[in-house]
Amino acid sequence: MPEPSYLTATRASYDTVAVDYAERYGNALVSMPLTRAMLAAFAELVQAAGDGPVADIGCGPGHVAAHLNALGVPVFGVDLSPKMVEVARQRYPDLRFQEGSMTALDLRDGELGGVVAWYSTHHTPPEQLPAVFAEFHRTLAPGGHLLLGTHVGDERLHFQQAYGHPVSFGAYLLPPDRITELLAEAGLIVSARLLEEPGEGRKRPHVCLLARKSGPS
C-alpha cells in the first residue's frame, strides 16, 4: 500500500530542516519551566509503575529523550525523518534513536511503560489521529502513561518555508477537548491538562496532556 502523502511530505520537510531545527530548539527546555514540570511528573509516574521503557515518538533532535534520560527514565527515540535520527544520534550518542512512523510502530503490544509525543502529532490529519492514538494504546502496558504536547486551535496550516528552507507539510490544530475525546476513544484517559496561552515568543496556545491506559499499573 502506498504511503500517505502527508507522511512523505513531512519526512522530506524535516530532513531538509533537521540541522537548523536542532540549533533552534535543541536547548528549548531550558526556558520552559512548565514543560519541565510536566516531564518530571511523567517521569515519576513511569518510574513508579516500572512497566517498561519510554518511547519518544517524533523525537526530532532528541532533546526531550535526553531530558528524560537525565531524570533516570529508560528512554529511546523514534522519528519519521532519517536526518532527524542522524542529528539525534550525533547529539546524544549514548541513547538509542530509530526511524519509524507513529502510524505503525515497530514495537510489541504492551512493550512500553510510557509514550511521549511532543509536538509531533499535529502533522497528522485529524481523520488519521484515531489510528495513531490506537498505536500508542497498543504499545503501552496496562497502566502505562502518555504525555502529549501540541499546538491547539481550530485551523489547518500549510508551510512552504521553514528555517530558511523550502518545505511542504501541514499542521492540523484541534481544540484541547477534541484531542481529549480522541484519546478517550482510544482507551487513553486524560488525568491532567496544562494549557499555556500565547506569549513570550509563543504565537499560539499549546496544551500538554497527561493520559493513562486503563488497567493496573
Protein backbone atom coordinates (compact mmCIF):
# COMPACT_ATOMS: atom_id res chain seq x y z
CA MET A 1 0.00 0.00 0.00
CA PRO A 2 1.43 3.43 -0.95
CA GLU A 3 2.49 5.65 1.92
CA PRO A 4 0.07 8.51 2.67
CA SER A 5 1.25 11.71 1.02
CA TYR A 6 1.30 13.66 4.30
CA LEU A 7 3.91 11.27 5.73
CA THR A 8 6.11 11.58 2.66
CA ALA A 9 5.89 15.37 2.75
CA THR A 10 6.54 15.57 6.48
CA ARG A 11 9.59 13.29 6.25
CA ALA A 12 11.10 15.23 3.36
CA SER A 13 10.49 18.58 5.06
CA TYR A 14 12.10 17.58 8.35
CA ASP A 15 15.02 16.00 6.53
CA THR A 16 15.54 19.42 4.95
CA VAL A 17 15.40 21.46 8.16
CA ALA A 18 16.83 18.96 10.67
CA VAL A 19 20.13 20.71 11.39
CA ASP A 20 18.61 24.19 11.70
CA TYR A 21 15.70 22.86 13.76
CA ALA A 22 18.15 21.28 16.22
CA GLU A 23 20.09 24.52 16.53
CA ARG A 24 16.91 26.47 17.32
CA TYR A 25 15.08 24.04 19.57
CA GLY A 26 17.73 21.64 20.82
CA ASN A 27 18.02 23.53 24.12
CA ALA A 28 14.45 24.82 24.29
CA LEU A 29 13.59 23.08 27.55
CA VAL A 30 15.97 25.37 29.45
CA SER A 31 13.46 28.22 29.08
CA MET A 32 10.30 26.10 29.57
CA PRO A 33 9.78 25.54 33.31
CA LEU A 34 6.17 24.38 33.00
CA THR A 35 7.10 21.81 30.37
CA ARG A 36 9.94 20.55 32.56
CA ALA A 37 7.46 20.20 35.42
CA MET A 38 5.14 18.05 33.31
CA LEU A 39 8.06 15.95 32.12
CA ALA A 40 9.18 15.48 35.73
CA ALA A 41 5.69 14.36 36.78
CA PHE A 42 5.53 11.98 33.83
CA ALA A 43 8.95 10.56 34.69
CA GLU A 44 7.92 9.98 38.30
CA LEU A 45 4.76 8.16 37.25
CA VAL A 46 6.59 5.94 34.76
CA GLN A 47 9.32 5.07 37.25
CA ALA A 48 6.77 4.22 39.94
CA ALA A 49 4.92 1.86 37.61
CA GLY A 50 8.10 0.21 36.32
CA ASP A 51 6.31 -1.24 33.30
CA GLY A 52 8.97 -0.69 30.66
CA PRO A 53 10.88 1.95 28.71
CA VAL A 54 9.54 5.20 27.31
CA ALA A 55 9.34 5.84 23.58
CA ASP A 56 9.72 9.46 22.48
CA ILE A 57 7.64 9.36 19.29
CA GLY A 58 8.57 12.08 16.83
CA CYS A 59 11.70 12.71 18.86
CA GLY A 60 13.30 15.22 16.50
CA PRO A 61 16.85 16.11 17.60
CA GLY A 62 16.46 14.10 20.80
CA HIS A 63 16.36 16.81 23.44
CA VAL A 64 13.22 15.55 25.19
CA ALA A 65 14.55 11.99 25.29
CA ALA A 66 17.82 13.28 26.70
CA HIS A 67 15.98 15.24 29.39
CA LEU A 68 14.01 12.16 30.44
CA ASN A 69 17.19 10.11 30.47
CA ALA A 70 18.74 12.66 32.84
CA LEU A 71 15.70 12.16 35.09
CA GLY A 72 16.51 8.45 35.27
CA VAL A 73 13.93 7.19 32.76
CA PRO A 74 14.91 4.42 30.30
CA VAL A 75 14.03 6.05 27.00
CA PHE A 76 14.60 5.78 23.27
CA GLY A 77 13.52 7.95 20.34
CA VAL A 78 11.60 7.25 17.15
CA ASP A 79 11.31 9.71 14.27
CA LEU A 80 9.95 9.64 10.74
CA SER A 81 12.89 11.68 9.41
CA PRO A 82 16.17 9.82 8.83
CA LYS A 83 18.04 13.11 9.05
CA MET A 84 16.49 13.93 12.42
CA VAL A 85 17.50 10.49 13.67
CA GLU A 86 21.05 11.14 12.44
CA VAL A 87 21.17 14.50 14.23
CA ALA A 88 19.80 12.96 17.46
CA ARG A 89 22.41 10.20 17.36
CA GLN A 90 25.17 12.76 16.89
CA ARG A 91 23.93 14.91 19.78
CA TYR A 92 23.26 12.01 22.17
CA PRO A 93 25.40 9.02 21.16
CA ASP A 94 24.61 7.14 24.38
CA LEU A 95 20.88 7.00 23.59
CA ARG A 96 19.02 4.89 21.04
CA PHE A 97 17.19 6.52 18.15
CA GLN A 98 15.48 4.76 15.27
CA GLU A 99 13.42 5.56 12.21
CA GLY A 100 9.71 4.81 12.36
CA SER A 101 6.21 6.13 11.87
CA MET A 102 3.71 6.68 14.65
CA THR A 103 1.09 5.18 12.35
CA ALA A 104 2.74 1.74 12.53
CA LEU A 105 5.28 1.42 15.34
CA ASP A 106 7.74 -1.45 15.18
CA LEU A 107 7.08 -2.32 18.83
CA ARG A 108 5.38 -5.20 20.60
CA ASP A 109 1.98 -4.94 22.25
CA GLY A 110 2.33 -3.63 25.80
CA GLU A 111 6.08 -3.10 25.46
CA LEU A 112 6.21 0.45 26.80
CA GLY A 113 5.83 1.99 30.21
CA GLY A 114 5.34 5.40 28.64
CA VAL A 115 4.95 7.29 25.39
CA VAL A 116 5.93 10.91 24.78
CA ALA A 117 4.59 12.70 21.70
CA TRP A 118 5.98 16.21 21.91
CA TYR A 119 4.87 18.50 19.05
CA SER A 120 4.68 15.54 16.68
CA THR A 121 1.01 14.57 16.31
CA HIS A 122 -0.14 17.91 14.87
CA HIS A 123 1.20 16.96 11.44
CA THR A 124 -1.34 14.14 11.31
CA PRO A 125 -4.69 14.86 9.61
CA PRO A 126 -7.49 14.62 12.18
CA GLU A 127 -9.08 11.64 10.44
CA GLN A 128 -5.83 9.71 10.94
CA LEU A 129 -5.39 10.54 14.63
CA PRO A 130 -7.54 7.64 15.87
CA ALA A 131 -5.10 5.20 14.24
CA VAL A 132 -2.12 6.99 15.80
CA PHE A 133 -3.67 7.02 19.27
CA ALA A 134 -4.58 3.34 18.82
CA GLU A 135 -0.88 2.63 18.22
CA PHE A 136 0.03 4.46 21.42
CA HIS A 137 -2.56 2.40 23.28
CA ARG A 138 -1.39 -0.87 21.71
CA THR A 139 2.25 -0.40 22.62
CA LEU A 140 1.63 0.80 26.19
CA ALA A 141 1.49 -1.66 29.05
CA PRO A 142 -1.73 -1.62 31.10
CA GLY A 143 -1.47 1.41 33.35
CA GLY A 144 1.16 2.97 31.07
CA HIS A 145 1.33 6.74 30.67
CA LEU A 146 1.21 9.10 27.69
CA LEU A 147 2.49 12.67 27.66
CA LEU A 148 1.32 14.63 24.61
CA GLY A 149 2.22 18.22 23.84
CA THR A 150 0.84 20.11 20.85
CA HIS A 151 -0.34 23.42 19.47
CA VAL A 152 -4.09 23.85 19.79
CA GLY A 153 -6.71 25.79 17.88
CA ASP A 154 -9.24 25.15 15.14
CA GLU A 155 -7.47 25.53 11.82
CA ARG A 156 -5.34 23.84 9.22
CA LEU A 157 -1.98 25.37 8.34
CA HIS A 158 0.32 24.68 5.41
CA PHE A 159 4.01 25.59 5.44
CA GLN A 160 6.08 26.22 2.33
CA GLN A 161 9.04 27.80 4.11
CA ALA A 162 10.66 26.94 7.45
CA TYR A 163 14.03 27.84 8.99
CA GLY A 164 15.13 29.34 5.69
CA HIS A 165 14.35 26.22 3.64
CA PRO A 166 11.56 25.29 1.24
CA VAL A 167 9.22 22.72 2.81
CA SER A 168 5.76 21.32 2.20
CA PHE A 169 3.86 20.00 5.19
CA GLY A 170 0.69 20.69 7.10
CA ALA A 171 -0.29 21.27 10.70
CA TYR A 172 -3.76 20.45 11.95
CA LEU A 173 -4.76 22.30 15.12
CA LEU A 174 -7.59 20.95 17.26
CA PRO A 175 -9.18 22.22 20.49
CA PRO A 176 -7.91 20.50 23.66
CA ASP A 177 -11.33 18.99 24.33
CA ARG A 178 -11.36 17.30 20.93
CA ILE A 179 -7.90 15.82 21.45
CA THR A 180 -9.03 14.57 24.86
CA GLU A 181 -12.09 12.95 23.26
CA LEU A 182 -9.98 11.16 20.64
CA LEU A 183 -7.60 9.89 23.29
CA ALA A 184 -10.51 8.59 25.36
CA GLU A 185 -11.93 6.80 22.32
CA ALA A 186 -8.56 5.03 22.02
CA GLY A 187 -8.66 3.98 25.69
CA LEU A 188 -6.29 6.69 26.94
CA ILE A 189 -7.87 8.69 29.76
CA VAL A 190 -6.53 12.19 30.39
CA SER A 191 -5.75 12.87 34.04
CA ALA A 192 -4.06 16.27 33.79
CA ARG A 193 -4.01 19.17 31.38
CA LEU A 194 -1.69 22.18 31.17
CA LEU A 195 -2.79 24.92 28.77
CA GLU A 196 -0.30 27.68 28.01
CA GLU A 197 -1.55 30.83 26.34
CA PRO A 198 0.35 32.74 23.62
CA GLY A 199 3.15 34.98 24.82
CA GLU A 200 6.91 35.25 25.21
CA GLY A 201 7.60 34.13 21.65
CA ARG A 202 4.69 31.67 21.51
CA LYS A 203 2.27 32.60 18.70
CA ARG A 204 -0.41 30.06 19.56
CA PRO A 205 -1.69 28.34 22.69
CA HIS A 206 -0.44 24.86 23.35
CA VAL A 207 -1.55 22.06 25.61
CA CYS A 208 0.24 19.33 27.49
CA LEU A 209 -1.95 16.30 28.24
CA LEU A 210 -1.07 13.51 30.64
CA ALA A 211 -3.08 10.35 29.99
CA ARG A 212 -3.12 6.76 31.19
CA LYS A 213 -4.02 3.45 29.61
CA SER A 214 -6.68 1.69 31.60
CA GLY A 215 -5.62 -1.31 33.64
CA PRO A 216 -3.45 -1.95 36.70
CA SER A 217 -0.10 -0.19 36.82
